[in-house]
């Protein structure tokens, strides 16, 4: 994702975010068989379904933050954690409650990124396997 042009301000924001995250968030875990860390689920259950995001050097962080809120239904704080984690580690998995929601959110995010000209890559992932009847 492309960093914004106000580097000192962005660096300070990430420093504050890192401090907040260390105090408030559970440590992201990497589910078996996946390369990227997964955000903690809201109810503390193990990861089952979600959207995997891949970092790139072009897509603005603000765009990713916005689509995660609008298309995946994340709160602002959850979306900010996902964006920062993706930027720092090269990718992140955003857990969603169901396979259907993961598939729909990934498709909507990819469509919107393509429509707006950003190379953001994402896909629906599942730790328990996909039900082929749920695919569009």
Protein backbone atom coordinates (compact mmCIF):
# COMPACT_ATOMS: atom_id res chain seq x y z
CA UNK A 1 0.00 0.00 0.00
CA UNK A 2 1.20 3.47 -0.79
CA UNK A 3 2.26 5.57 2.18
CA UNK A 4 0.84 9.07 2.32
CA UNK A 5 3.13 12.01 1.52
CA UNK A 6 3.11 13.41 5.08
CA UNK A 7 5.66 10.94 6.46
CA UNK A 8 6.33 12.51 9.92
CA UNK A 9 2.59 12.74 10.61
CA UNK A 10 1.99 9.17 9.38
CA UNK A 11 4.96 7.87 11.39
CA UNK A 12 3.58 9.50 14.54
CA UNK A 13 0.15 8.01 13.82
CA UNK A 14 1.65 4.52 13.47
CA UNK A 15 3.63 4.98 16.70
CA UNK A 16 0.40 5.86 18.52
CA UNK A 17 -1.35 2.95 16.83
CA UNK A 18 1.38 0.48 17.84
CA UNK A 19 1.16 1.65 21.46
CA UNK A 20 -2.65 1.39 21.43
CA UNK A 21 -2.53 -2.04 19.78
CA UNK A 22 -0.04 -3.33 22.36
CA UNK A 23 -2.40 -2.24 25.13
CA UNK A 24 -5.76 -3.23 23.65
CA UNK A 25 -5.59 -5.96 21.05
CA UNK A 26 -4.94 -9.63 21.31
CA UNK A 27 -1.88 -10.82 19.43
CA UNK A 28 -2.71 -11.78 15.84
CA UNK A 29 -2.09 -15.43 15.15
CA UNK A 30 -1.16 -17.19 11.93
CA UNK A 31 -3.69 -19.97 11.28
CA UNK A 32 -2.28 -23.34 10.19
CA UNK A 33 -1.73 -23.41 6.43
CA UNK A 34 -1.74 -19.62 5.99
CA UNK A 35 1.14 -17.21 5.42
CA UNK A 36 -0.34 -14.08 7.03
CA UNK A 37 -1.53 -13.23 10.53
CA UNK A 38 -5.22 -13.21 11.34
CA UNK A 39 -6.92 -10.54 13.40
CA UNK A 40 -8.56 -11.86 16.56
CA UNK A 41 -12.22 -12.79 16.11
CA UNK A 42 -14.71 -10.57 17.91
CA UNK A 43 -16.05 -13.42 20.04
CA UNK A 44 -12.70 -15.11 20.69
CA UNK A 45 -13.47 -18.20 18.59
CA UNK A 46 -10.86 -19.79 16.35
CA UNK A 47 -10.59 -18.42 12.81
CA UNK A 48 -12.82 -20.23 10.31
CA UNK A 49 -13.59 -17.90 7.37
CA UNK A 50 -12.29 -14.53 6.26
CA UNK A 51 -10.72 -12.28 3.65
CA UNK A 52 -6.98 -12.37 3.01
CA UNK A 53 -5.50 -9.02 1.95
CA UNK A 54 -2.11 -8.63 0.25
CA UNK A 55 -0.01 -5.51 0.66
CA UNK A 56 1.19 -3.59 -2.39
CA UNK A 57 3.12 -0.36 -2.87
CA UNK A 58 0.41 1.50 -4.77
CA UNK A 59 -3.00 1.17 -3.09
CA UNK A 60 -3.52 3.97 -0.54
CA UNK A 61 -4.09 2.91 3.05
CA UNK A 62 -7.11 5.21 3.22
CA UNK A 63 -8.76 3.28 0.37
CA UNK A 64 -8.16 -0.07 2.10
CA UNK A 65 -9.48 1.31 5.38
CA UNK A 66 -12.59 2.57 3.62
CA UNK A 67 -13.39 -0.67 1.74
CA UNK A 68 -12.87 -2.79 4.85
CA UNK A 69 -15.43 -0.67 6.67
CA UNK A 70 -17.94 -0.53 3.83
CA UNK A 71 -17.59 -3.95 2.18
CA UNK A 72 -16.50 -6.19 5.08
CA UNK A 73 -18.50 -4.36 7.75
CA UNK A 74 -15.55 -3.68 10.06
CA UNK A 75 -15.57 -0.93 12.65
CA UNK A 76 -13.02 1.84 12.13
CA UNK A 77 -10.64 0.47 14.78
CA UNK A 78 -10.78 -3.08 13.40
CA UNK A 79 -10.15 -1.80 9.88
CA UNK A 80 -7.21 0.33 11.09
CA UNK A 81 -5.67 -2.71 12.80
CA UNK A 82 -6.10 -4.76 9.61
CA UNK A 83 -4.52 -2.04 7.44
CA UNK A 84 -1.54 -1.60 9.76
CA UNK A 85 -1.02 -5.35 10.11
CA UNK A 86 -1.20 -5.81 6.32
CA UNK A 87 1.27 -2.96 5.78
CA UNK A 88 3.73 -4.29 8.37
CA UNK A 89 3.62 -8.01 7.54
CA UNK A 90 2.80 -8.04 3.82
CA UNK A 91 -0.72 -9.32 4.31
CA UNK A 92 -3.48 -9.96 6.82
CA UNK A 93 -6.54 -12.12 7.28
CA UNK A 94 -9.74 -10.42 8.38
CA UNK A 95 -12.06 -12.96 10.04
CA UNK A 96 -15.74 -12.88 9.10
CA UNK A 97 -18.62 -14.84 10.66
CA UNK A 98 -19.50 -16.97 7.63
CA UNK A 99 -18.16 -18.36 4.40
CA UNK A 100 -20.84 -16.48 2.43
CA UNK A 101 -19.79 -13.16 3.99
CA UNK A 102 -16.12 -13.86 3.23
CA UNK A 103 -16.84 -14.69 -0.42
CA UNK A 104 -19.11 -11.66 -0.88
CA UNK A 105 -16.73 -9.24 0.86
CA UNK A 106 -13.70 -10.44 -1.13
CA UNK A 107 -15.61 -10.11 -4.41
CA UNK A 108 -16.88 -6.62 -3.53
CA UNK A 109 -13.44 -5.42 -2.39
CA UNK A 110 -11.74 -6.77 -5.54
CA UNK A 111 -14.42 -5.28 -7.80
CA UNK A 112 -14.22 -1.88 -6.16
CA UNK A 113 -10.40 -1.84 -6.26
CA UNK A 114 -10.41 -2.72 -9.96
CA UNK A 115 -13.10 -0.13 -10.72
CA UNK A 116 -11.06 2.58 -8.98
CA UNK A 117 -7.79 1.46 -10.59
CA UNK A 118 -5.98 0.02 -7.54
CA UNK A 119 -4.07 -3.28 -7.70
CA UNK A 120 -5.27 -4.43 -4.25
CA UNK A 121 -5.41 -8.23 -4.11
CA UNK A 122 -7.69 -10.13 -1.80
CA UNK A 123 -9.44 -13.48 -1.66
CA UNK A 124 -11.85 -15.39 0.52
CA UNK A 125 -10.11 -17.98 2.70
CA UNK A 126 -11.33 -20.71 4.99
CA UNK A 127 -9.60 -22.82 7.63
CA UNK A 128 -12.34 -25.44 7.46
CA UNK A 129 -12.68 -25.77 3.67
CA UNK A 130 -15.11 -24.22 1.24
CA UNK A 131 -18.58 -25.44 0.52
CA UNK A 132 -18.72 -25.30 -3.29
CA UNK A 133 -22.46 -24.53 -3.21
CA UNK A 134 -21.67 -21.21 -1.44
CA UNK A 135 -19.51 -19.93 -4.32
CA UNK A 136 -21.13 -17.37 -6.62
